[in-house]
Structures are given as structure tokens and as C-alpha cells.
N, C-alpha and C. Protein backbone atom coordinates (compact mmCIF):
# COMPACT_ATOMS: atom_id res chain seq x y z
N UNK A 1 106.40 122.28 107.65
CA UNK A 1 106.21 121.04 108.38
C UNK A 1 104.77 120.53 108.24
N UNK A 2 103.82 121.44 108.31
CA UNK A 2 102.42 121.03 108.19
C UNK A 2 102.16 120.39 106.82
N UNK A 3 102.82 120.89 105.79
CA UNK A 3 102.66 120.31 104.46
C UNK A 3 103.17 118.86 104.44
N UNK A 4 104.28 118.60 105.12
CA UNK A 4 104.80 117.23 105.20
C UNK A 4 103.80 116.33 105.92
N UNK A 5 103.22 116.83 107.01
CA UNK A 5 102.22 116.05 107.75
C UNK A 5 100.98 115.79 106.90
N UNK A 6 100.60 116.76 106.11
CA UNK A 6 99.41 116.59 105.25
C UNK A 6 99.65 115.51 104.21
N UNK A 7 100.85 115.45 103.66
CA UNK A 7 101.15 114.51 102.58
C UNK A 7 101.51 113.11 103.08
N UNK A 8 101.98 112.99 104.32
CA UNK A 8 102.43 111.70 104.81
C UNK A 8 101.27 110.72 104.95
N UNK A 9 101.42 109.59 104.29
CA UNK A 9 100.45 108.50 104.37
C UNK A 9 101.24 107.21 104.48
N UNK A 10 100.63 106.18 105.00
CA UNK A 10 101.31 104.88 105.07
C UNK A 10 101.41 104.30 103.66
N UNK A 11 102.65 104.08 103.22
CA UNK A 11 102.92 103.55 101.89
C UNK A 11 103.43 102.12 102.06
N UNK A 12 102.80 101.19 101.35
CA UNK A 12 103.15 99.77 101.47
C UNK A 12 103.66 99.16 100.17
N UNK A 13 103.69 99.95 99.10
CA UNK A 13 104.22 99.47 97.82
C UNK A 13 105.33 100.41 97.39
N UNK A 14 106.47 99.82 97.02
CA UNK A 14 107.66 100.61 96.72
C UNK A 14 108.23 100.24 95.36
N UNK A 15 108.82 101.23 94.71
CA UNK A 15 109.51 100.98 93.45
C UNK A 15 110.80 100.22 93.72
N UNK A 16 111.24 99.47 92.73
CA UNK A 16 112.49 98.73 92.85
C UNK A 16 113.64 99.68 92.51
N UNK A 17 113.88 100.61 93.41
CA UNK A 17 114.86 101.67 93.20
C UNK A 17 115.65 101.87 94.49
N UNK A 18 116.96 101.81 94.37
CA UNK A 18 117.82 102.00 95.54
C UNK A 18 117.63 103.38 96.16
N UNK A 19 117.81 103.44 97.46
CA UNK A 19 117.82 104.71 98.18
C UNK A 19 119.28 105.11 98.32
N UNK A 20 119.62 106.29 97.86
CA UNK A 20 121.01 106.74 97.88
C UNK A 20 121.57 106.85 99.28
N UNK A 21 122.88 106.66 99.38
CA UNK A 21 123.54 106.69 100.69
C UNK A 21 123.41 108.04 101.37
N UNK A 22 123.34 109.13 100.59
CA UNK A 22 123.19 110.45 101.20
C UNK A 22 121.84 110.60 101.89
N UNK A 23 120.81 109.97 101.34
CA UNK A 23 119.48 110.00 101.96
C UNK A 23 119.48 109.13 103.22
N UNK A 24 120.11 107.96 103.14
CA UNK A 24 120.20 107.09 104.32
C UNK A 24 120.94 107.82 105.43
N UNK A 25 122.00 108.55 105.11
CA UNK A 25 122.75 109.30 106.12
C UNK A 25 121.88 110.37 106.77
N UNK A 26 121.02 111.01 105.98
CA UNK A 26 120.11 112.01 106.54
C UNK A 26 119.11 111.38 107.49
N UNK A 27 118.63 110.19 107.13
CA UNK A 27 117.72 109.47 108.03
C UNK A 27 118.41 109.11 109.34
N UNK A 28 119.66 108.68 109.24
CA UNK A 28 120.42 108.34 110.45
C UNK A 28 120.58 109.57 111.35
N UNK A 29 120.89 110.70 110.74
CA UNK A 29 121.03 111.93 111.53
C UNK A 29 119.70 112.30 112.19
N UNK A 30 118.61 112.17 111.44
CA UNK A 30 117.29 112.49 112.01
C UNK A 30 117.00 111.61 113.22
N UNK A 31 117.32 110.32 113.10
CA UNK A 31 117.07 109.40 114.22
C UNK A 31 117.85 109.84 115.45
N UNK A 32 119.09 110.20 115.26
CA UNK A 32 119.95 110.56 116.39
C UNK A 32 119.63 111.95 116.96
N UNK A 33 118.88 112.75 116.23
CA UNK A 33 118.45 114.06 116.73
C UNK A 33 117.08 113.98 117.41
N UNK A 34 116.53 112.81 117.49
CA UNK A 34 115.21 112.63 118.07
C UNK A 34 115.19 113.03 119.55
N UNK A 35 114.12 113.70 119.99
CA UNK A 35 114.00 114.02 121.41
C UNK A 35 114.00 112.75 122.26
N UNK A 36 114.55 112.87 123.45
CA UNK A 36 114.64 111.73 124.34
C UNK A 36 114.54 112.22 125.78
N UNK A 37 113.77 111.54 126.57
CA UNK A 37 113.56 111.93 127.96
C UNK A 37 114.89 111.98 128.72
N UNK A 38 115.13 113.08 129.37
CA UNK A 38 116.32 113.31 130.20
C UNK A 38 117.62 113.05 129.43
N UNK A 39 117.54 113.09 128.12
CA UNK A 39 118.70 112.89 127.25
C UNK A 39 119.38 111.53 127.46
N UNK A 40 118.60 110.52 127.85
CA UNK A 40 119.16 109.19 128.10
C UNK A 40 119.49 108.45 126.80
N UNK A 41 118.77 108.73 125.72
CA UNK A 41 119.02 108.12 124.41
C UNK A 41 119.13 106.59 124.48
N UNK A 42 118.08 105.91 124.95
CA UNK A 42 118.15 104.45 125.04
C UNK A 42 117.99 103.74 123.71
N UNK A 43 117.55 104.49 122.68
CA UNK A 43 117.23 103.87 121.40
C UNK A 43 118.48 103.43 120.64
N UNK A 44 118.24 102.43 119.79
CA UNK A 44 119.23 101.95 118.83
C UNK A 44 118.48 101.81 117.51
N UNK A 45 119.18 102.03 116.42
CA UNK A 45 118.56 101.98 115.09
C UNK A 45 119.38 101.05 114.21
N UNK A 46 118.72 100.04 113.68
CA UNK A 46 119.40 99.08 112.81
C UNK A 46 118.89 99.33 111.39
N UNK A 47 119.76 99.84 110.55
CA UNK A 47 119.42 100.15 109.16
C UNK A 47 119.76 98.95 108.29
N UNK A 48 118.75 98.43 107.59
CA UNK A 48 118.90 97.20 106.82
C UNK A 48 118.52 97.43 105.36
N UNK A 49 119.45 97.10 104.47
CA UNK A 49 119.17 97.20 103.04
C UNK A 49 119.27 95.84 102.35
N UNK A 50 119.80 94.85 103.03
CA UNK A 50 119.93 93.51 102.46
C UNK A 50 118.55 92.94 102.17
N UNK A 51 118.31 92.58 100.91
CA UNK A 51 116.98 92.12 100.49
C UNK A 51 116.55 90.84 101.20
N UNK A 52 117.48 89.92 101.42
CA UNK A 52 117.13 88.67 102.11
C UNK A 52 116.74 88.93 103.56
N UNK A 53 117.46 89.84 104.20
CA UNK A 53 117.16 90.18 105.59
C UNK A 53 115.81 90.90 105.68
N UNK A 54 115.53 91.80 104.73
CA UNK A 54 114.24 92.47 104.71
C UNK A 54 113.10 91.47 104.52
N UNK A 55 113.33 90.50 103.65
CA UNK A 55 112.30 89.47 103.43
C UNK A 55 112.06 88.67 104.71
N UNK A 56 113.14 88.29 105.39
CA UNK A 56 112.99 87.55 106.65
C UNK A 56 112.26 88.39 107.70
N UNK A 57 112.59 89.68 107.78
CA UNK A 57 111.93 90.57 108.74
C UNK A 57 110.47 90.79 108.39
N UNK A 58 110.12 90.67 107.10
CA UNK A 58 108.74 90.86 106.67
C UNK A 58 107.81 89.79 107.25
N UNK A 59 108.40 88.72 107.77
CA UNK A 59 107.62 87.63 108.37
C UNK A 59 107.48 87.78 109.88
N UNK A 60 107.84 88.94 110.42
CA UNK A 60 107.87 89.14 111.86
C UNK A 60 106.50 89.02 112.53
N UNK A 61 105.44 89.33 111.80
CA UNK A 61 104.10 89.30 112.38
C UNK A 61 103.19 88.39 111.57
N UNK A 62 102.13 87.93 112.21
CA UNK A 62 101.15 87.10 111.52
C UNK A 62 100.54 87.87 110.35
N UNK A 63 100.35 89.17 110.51
CA UNK A 63 99.90 90.04 109.41
C UNK A 63 100.39 91.46 109.70
N UNK A 64 100.51 92.25 108.65
CA UNK A 64 100.86 93.65 108.82
C UNK A 64 102.34 93.98 108.72
N UNK A 65 103.15 93.02 108.25
CA UNK A 65 104.58 93.32 108.05
C UNK A 65 105.09 92.84 106.70
N UNK A 66 104.27 92.16 105.93
CA UNK A 66 104.69 91.56 104.67
C UNK A 66 105.23 92.55 103.65
N UNK A 67 104.75 93.79 103.68
CA UNK A 67 105.19 94.79 102.71
C UNK A 67 106.65 95.18 102.89
N UNK A 68 107.26 94.85 104.04
CA UNK A 68 108.67 95.16 104.25
C UNK A 68 109.54 94.44 103.21
N UNK A 69 109.04 93.32 102.70
CA UNK A 69 109.76 92.56 101.68
C UNK A 69 110.05 93.41 100.44
N UNK A 70 109.16 94.32 100.09
CA UNK A 70 109.32 95.15 98.90
C UNK A 70 110.03 96.47 99.15
N UNK A 71 110.34 96.76 100.40
CA UNK A 71 111.01 98.02 100.74
C UNK A 71 112.49 97.95 100.36
N UNK A 72 113.10 99.09 100.19
CA UNK A 72 114.54 99.14 99.89
C UNK A 72 115.35 99.43 101.14
N UNK A 73 114.67 99.80 102.22
CA UNK A 73 115.33 100.06 103.50
C UNK A 73 114.35 99.72 104.61
N UNK A 74 114.85 99.04 105.61
CA UNK A 74 114.08 98.81 106.82
C UNK A 74 114.89 99.34 107.99
N UNK A 75 114.21 99.98 108.92
CA UNK A 75 114.88 100.45 110.14
C UNK A 75 114.19 99.78 111.32
N UNK A 76 114.96 99.05 112.09
CA UNK A 76 114.46 98.44 113.32
C UNK A 76 114.77 99.42 114.43
N UNK A 77 113.73 99.82 115.15
CA UNK A 77 113.88 100.77 116.25
C UNK A 77 113.76 99.99 117.55
N UNK A 78 114.84 99.98 118.30
CA UNK A 78 114.86 99.22 119.54
C UNK A 78 115.56 100.03 120.63
N UNK A 79 115.58 99.49 121.84
CA UNK A 79 116.18 100.22 122.96
C UNK A 79 116.66 99.26 124.02
N UNK A 80 117.64 99.75 124.78
CA UNK A 80 118.08 99.05 125.98
C UNK A 80 117.15 99.51 127.09
N UNK A 81 116.20 98.66 127.46
CA UNK A 81 115.16 99.10 128.39
C UNK A 81 115.71 99.48 129.77
N UNK A 82 116.88 98.98 130.12
CA UNK A 82 117.46 99.32 131.41
C UNK A 82 118.06 100.73 131.43
N UNK A 83 118.11 101.40 130.28
CA UNK A 83 118.67 102.74 130.22
C UNK A 83 117.64 103.83 130.44
N UNK A 84 116.36 103.51 130.35
CA UNK A 84 115.32 104.52 130.53
C UNK A 84 113.98 103.86 130.80
N UNK A 85 113.22 104.46 131.71
CA UNK A 85 111.89 103.93 132.00
C UNK A 85 110.87 104.35 130.94
N UNK A 86 111.26 105.22 130.04
CA UNK A 86 110.36 105.67 128.97
C UNK A 86 110.94 105.35 127.59
N UNK A 87 111.59 104.21 127.48
CA UNK A 87 112.18 103.79 126.21
C UNK A 87 111.12 103.65 125.12
N UNK A 88 109.91 103.23 125.49
CA UNK A 88 108.84 103.07 124.50
C UNK A 88 108.50 104.41 123.88
N UNK A 89 108.33 105.42 124.72
CA UNK A 89 108.01 106.75 124.22
C UNK A 89 109.15 107.30 123.36
N UNK A 90 110.39 107.14 123.84
CA UNK A 90 111.54 107.62 123.07
C UNK A 90 111.62 106.95 121.70
N UNK A 91 111.39 105.65 121.65
CA UNK A 91 111.42 104.93 120.37
C UNK A 91 110.27 105.35 119.46
N UNK A 92 109.11 105.61 120.03
CA UNK A 92 107.96 106.02 119.23
C UNK A 92 108.19 107.39 118.62
N UNK A 93 108.75 108.30 119.40
CA UNK A 93 109.06 109.64 118.88
C UNK A 93 110.08 109.52 117.73
N UNK A 94 111.12 108.74 117.94
CA UNK A 94 112.14 108.57 116.91
C UNK A 94 111.53 107.95 115.65
N UNK A 95 110.61 107.02 115.81
CA UNK A 95 109.99 106.36 114.66
C UNK A 95 109.24 107.36 113.79
N UNK A 96 108.45 108.23 114.39
CA UNK A 96 107.70 109.17 113.57
C UNK A 96 108.62 110.24 112.98
N UNK A 97 109.67 110.62 113.70
CA UNK A 97 110.60 111.58 113.11
C UNK A 97 111.30 110.98 111.89
N UNK A 98 111.65 109.71 111.96
CA UNK A 98 112.23 109.04 110.79
C UNK A 98 111.25 109.07 109.62
N UNK A 99 109.98 108.79 109.88
CA UNK A 99 109.00 108.80 108.81
C UNK A 99 108.82 110.19 108.21
N UNK A 100 108.77 111.21 109.05
CA UNK A 100 108.61 112.57 108.55
C UNK A 100 109.82 113.01 107.75
N UNK A 101 111.00 112.65 108.22
CA UNK A 101 112.22 112.97 107.48
C UNK A 101 112.19 112.26 106.12
N UNK A 102 111.83 110.98 106.13
CA UNK A 102 111.72 110.24 104.87
C UNK A 102 110.74 110.91 103.91
N UNK A 103 109.61 111.35 104.43
CA UNK A 103 108.61 112.04 103.60
C UNK A 103 109.22 113.29 102.97
N UNK A 104 109.97 114.04 103.76
CA UNK A 104 110.57 115.27 103.25
C UNK A 104 111.63 114.99 102.18
N UNK A 105 112.16 113.78 102.15
CA UNK A 105 113.19 113.39 101.18
C UNK A 105 112.62 112.62 99.99
N UNK A 106 111.29 112.54 99.91
CA UNK A 106 110.65 111.89 98.77
C UNK A 106 110.40 110.41 98.95
N UNK A 107 110.59 109.89 100.15
CA UNK A 107 110.38 108.47 100.41
C UNK A 107 108.98 108.23 100.96
N UNK A 108 108.47 107.05 100.70
CA UNK A 108 107.28 106.58 101.36
C UNK A 108 107.70 105.67 102.50
N UNK A 109 106.84 105.52 103.49
CA UNK A 109 107.19 104.67 104.62
C UNK A 109 105.93 104.12 105.28
N UNK A 110 106.14 103.10 106.08
CA UNK A 110 105.05 102.56 106.88
C UNK A 110 105.64 101.97 108.16
N UNK A 111 105.01 102.29 109.25
CA UNK A 111 105.41 101.86 110.58
C UNK A 111 104.87 100.46 110.86
N UNK A 112 105.68 99.61 111.46
CA UNK A 112 105.28 98.25 111.78
C UNK A 112 105.45 98.04 113.28
N UNK A 113 104.35 97.89 113.99
CA UNK A 113 104.39 97.63 115.43
C UNK A 113 104.96 96.25 115.68
N UNK A 114 105.94 96.15 116.56
CA UNK A 114 106.52 94.85 116.90
C UNK A 114 106.23 94.48 118.36
N UNK A 115 106.46 95.42 119.26
CA UNK A 115 106.23 95.15 120.69
C UNK A 115 104.78 94.74 120.90
N UNK A 116 104.59 93.69 121.64
CA UNK A 116 103.26 93.15 121.98
C UNK A 116 102.50 92.57 120.79
N UNK A 117 103.24 92.13 119.76
CA UNK A 117 102.63 91.45 118.62
C UNK A 117 103.21 90.05 118.53
N UNK A 118 102.55 89.18 117.76
CA UNK A 118 102.96 87.78 117.67
C UNK A 118 103.47 87.43 116.27
N UNK A 119 104.55 86.65 116.27
CA UNK A 119 105.08 86.08 115.03
C UNK A 119 104.35 84.79 114.71
N UNK A 120 104.08 84.01 115.74
CA UNK A 120 103.38 82.74 115.61
C UNK A 120 102.60 82.51 116.90
N UNK A 121 101.95 81.37 116.99
CA UNK A 121 101.20 81.06 118.21
C UNK A 121 102.10 80.96 119.44
N UNK A 122 103.36 80.66 119.22
CA UNK A 122 104.25 80.42 120.36
C UNK A 122 105.44 81.38 120.46
N UNK A 123 105.58 82.32 119.53
CA UNK A 123 106.72 83.23 119.56
C UNK A 123 106.27 84.66 119.29
N UNK A 124 106.78 85.58 120.11
CA UNK A 124 106.45 86.98 119.89
C UNK A 124 107.21 87.52 118.68
N UNK A 125 106.67 88.57 118.10
CA UNK A 125 107.37 89.25 117.00
C UNK A 125 108.70 89.79 117.48
N UNK A 126 108.72 90.29 118.70
CA UNK A 126 109.95 90.84 119.25
C UNK A 126 111.03 89.77 119.36
N UNK A 127 110.69 88.60 119.86
CA UNK A 127 111.68 87.52 119.96
C UNK A 127 112.15 87.06 118.59
N UNK A 128 111.24 87.04 117.62
CA UNK A 128 111.61 86.66 116.26
C UNK A 128 112.64 87.64 115.70
N UNK A 129 112.39 88.94 115.83
CA UNK A 129 113.31 89.95 115.32
C UNK A 129 114.63 89.90 116.06
N UNK A 130 114.57 89.77 117.38
CA UNK A 130 115.80 89.70 118.17
C UNK A 130 116.64 88.50 117.76
N UNK A 131 116.00 87.37 117.54
CA UNK A 131 116.73 86.18 117.11
C UNK A 131 117.34 86.33 115.73
N UNK A 132 116.58 86.91 114.83
CA UNK A 132 117.05 87.10 113.46
C UNK A 132 118.25 88.05 113.41
N UNK A 133 118.24 89.07 114.25
CA UNK A 133 119.30 90.07 114.24
C UNK A 133 120.38 89.83 115.29
N UNK A 134 120.20 88.80 116.11
CA UNK A 134 121.19 88.50 117.14
C UNK A 134 121.27 89.57 118.23
N UNK A 135 120.13 90.14 118.58
CA UNK A 135 120.11 91.19 119.60
C UNK A 135 120.16 90.58 121.00
N UNK A 136 120.82 91.26 121.93
CA UNK A 136 120.90 90.75 123.30
C UNK A 136 119.54 90.79 124.01
N UNK A 137 119.41 90.01 125.04
CA UNK A 137 118.16 89.89 125.80
C UNK A 137 117.67 91.25 126.31
N UNK A 138 118.59 92.10 126.78
CA UNK A 138 118.18 93.40 127.34
C UNK A 138 117.62 94.37 126.31
N UNK A 139 117.85 94.09 125.03
CA UNK A 139 117.37 94.97 123.97
C UNK A 139 115.89 94.68 123.71
N UNK A 140 115.10 95.74 123.61
CA UNK A 140 113.68 95.60 123.33
C UNK A 140 113.37 96.21 121.96
N UNK A 141 112.52 95.57 121.19
CA UNK A 141 112.18 96.04 119.85
C UNK A 141 110.80 96.68 119.90
N UNK A 142 110.74 97.94 119.55
CA UNK A 142 109.48 98.67 119.51
C UNK A 142 108.81 98.57 118.15
N UNK A 143 109.57 98.85 117.09
CA UNK A 143 108.95 98.92 115.77
C UNK A 143 109.97 98.69 114.66
N UNK A 144 109.44 98.55 113.48
CA UNK A 144 110.25 98.56 112.26
C UNK A 144 109.57 99.56 111.32
N UNK A 145 110.38 100.17 110.48
CA UNK A 145 109.83 101.11 109.51
C UNK A 145 110.33 100.70 108.13
N UNK A 146 109.40 100.54 107.21
CA UNK A 146 109.72 100.24 105.82
C UNK A 146 109.84 101.56 105.06
N UNK A 147 110.89 101.67 104.23
CA UNK A 147 111.12 102.86 103.42
C UNK A 147 111.36 102.47 101.97
N UNK A 148 110.92 103.32 101.07
CA UNK A 148 111.19 103.15 99.65
C UNK A 148 110.56 104.28 98.88
N UNK A 149 110.86 104.34 97.60
CA UNK A 149 110.19 105.32 96.75
C UNK A 149 108.80 104.79 96.46
N UNK A 150 107.77 105.58 96.71
CA UNK A 150 106.40 105.08 96.60
C UNK A 150 106.05 104.57 95.21
N UNK A 151 105.37 103.43 95.18
CA UNK A 151 104.83 102.88 93.95
C UNK A 151 103.30 102.87 94.04
N UNK A 152 102.79 103.81 94.80
CA UNK A 152 101.36 104.01 94.92
C UNK A 152 101.16 105.47 95.33
N UNK A 153 100.04 106.02 94.91
CA UNK A 153 99.73 107.41 95.26
C UNK A 153 98.53 107.42 96.18
N UNK A 154 98.67 108.17 97.25
CA UNK A 154 97.57 108.33 98.20
C UNK A 154 97.36 109.82 98.41
N UNK A 155 96.13 110.22 98.29
CA UNK A 155 95.79 111.62 98.51
C UNK A 155 95.85 111.93 100.01
N UNK A 156 96.21 113.16 100.33
CA UNK A 156 96.15 113.56 101.74
C UNK A 156 94.73 113.41 102.28
N UNK A 157 94.61 113.16 103.54
CA UNK A 157 93.28 113.10 104.16
C UNK A 157 92.70 114.52 104.13
N UNK A 158 91.51 114.69 103.58
CA UNK A 158 90.94 116.03 103.50
C UNK A 158 90.72 116.62 104.90
N UNK A 159 90.92 117.91 105.00
CA UNK A 159 90.79 118.59 106.29
C UNK A 159 89.42 118.33 106.92
N UNK A 160 88.38 118.30 106.11
CA UNK A 160 87.03 118.10 106.65
C UNK A 160 86.82 116.70 107.23
N UNK A 161 87.73 115.77 106.94
CA UNK A 161 87.62 114.42 107.52
C UNK A 161 88.43 114.28 108.81
N UNK A 162 89.17 115.31 109.19
CA UNK A 162 89.91 115.27 110.45
C UNK A 162 88.91 115.32 111.61
N UNK A 163 89.21 114.62 112.66
CA UNK A 163 88.28 114.49 113.80
C UNK A 163 88.53 115.59 114.83
N UNK A 164 88.10 116.80 114.48
CA UNK A 164 88.30 117.94 115.37
C UNK A 164 87.56 117.77 116.70
N UNK A 165 86.57 116.90 116.75
CA UNK A 165 85.85 116.64 118.00
C UNK A 165 86.73 116.00 119.07
N UNK A 166 87.89 115.52 118.68
CA UNK A 166 88.80 114.91 119.63
C UNK A 166 89.75 115.93 120.27
N UNK A 167 89.59 117.18 119.89
CA UNK A 167 90.39 118.25 120.47
C UNK A 167 89.54 118.97 121.51
N UNK A 168 90.06 119.08 122.70
CA UNK A 168 89.36 119.78 123.79
C UNK A 168 90.11 121.07 124.04
N UNK A 169 89.43 122.17 123.91
CA UNK A 169 90.04 123.48 124.11
C UNK A 169 89.48 124.12 125.36
N UNK A 170 90.35 124.73 126.12
CA UNK A 170 89.93 125.50 127.28
C UNK A 170 90.30 126.95 127.05
N UNK A 171 89.50 127.84 127.54
CA UNK A 171 89.80 129.26 127.42
C UNK A 171 89.34 129.83 126.09
N UNK A 172 89.71 131.08 125.84
CA UNK A 172 89.26 131.74 124.61
C UNK A 172 89.81 131.04 123.37
N UNK A 173 89.06 131.13 122.31
CA UNK A 173 89.54 130.62 121.04
C UNK A 173 88.90 129.34 120.69
């Protein structure tokens, strides 16, 4: 697992290569196995491979979502907020598990924050995505994740560049 964490980097350029259905099924299973507070499972996952839909979703934010246009899979992570008071945390956990699973399967990915971001001066990114996908009012959109086979190489962050000063240890060791 640590090796997967070491190699995982945000990938924003993808090869024009389909992701096989068996890999997509593994990602779906990973999402549904995600930890969830009190087992409420408020999250919903919308798996999108349609190129036109991915392009439309790539416009969700003023900046920072355009690379979704080149992805071969996008996953919208959302939740019924009335099902759990910690839907944000549950969706965030599921998002990173999806990315780690994708990494283990040879995919590159990048997380796209949607909640509390703007599509335009007058519309939130969340409302834009909800409108595009026809989601009900009670559904909240936390993030989108772009997936594809990487068309860029990024070296792992060297261990000496990790910010160990942000770790506070108590007791021996």
C-alpha cells in the first residue's frame, strides 16, 4: 500500500485509450467498499465514459477541471445529505480510495473539488453539475475524479521533501 501512495500523483494528461470494463467494475467495487460513518452509505457514484458528457463536465469550474475533457472516465462523487451529517467526509474517503484503486490498476487520476467552487459569477459548480446530470435538489456534489492511462510521467515526491514537521508525536519514539 505504501508503494501505491508513493507513486500516486495528480495526473492531468491521459492517453486516448479506453479503460476496460473489468477495471471499471473494480473501481465500482472499491467505491462501494469505502468506509462510511455508522454504515449510512450516503454516497452515490456516477461513472461517466461518454466523451461529450466528460467535456461538458470539464467546464464545471472557472479553472481546475478542464483536464476532465481528456479523461476516459469521470466519476462524480455525490451524496444525499439528508442521509448522514458527515456525507462530506464519507465522500472524501471514497474519492481517495477510488484514486488509490485506480493507481493500483495502472490508471492515473486527479481529484476535482466541486463543493464550494464556482462555475461562473452567478452559478456554483455544484449546481452546474447537478443540472447537467439531472440530479435532485437533495443530492450534493463533493467532487469529480478524472481517470485515464497516464500520458505524463511524474516522479514520486522524494521522502526528504515530506513535511515531517507536521507530525506531532507524544510518548516514546
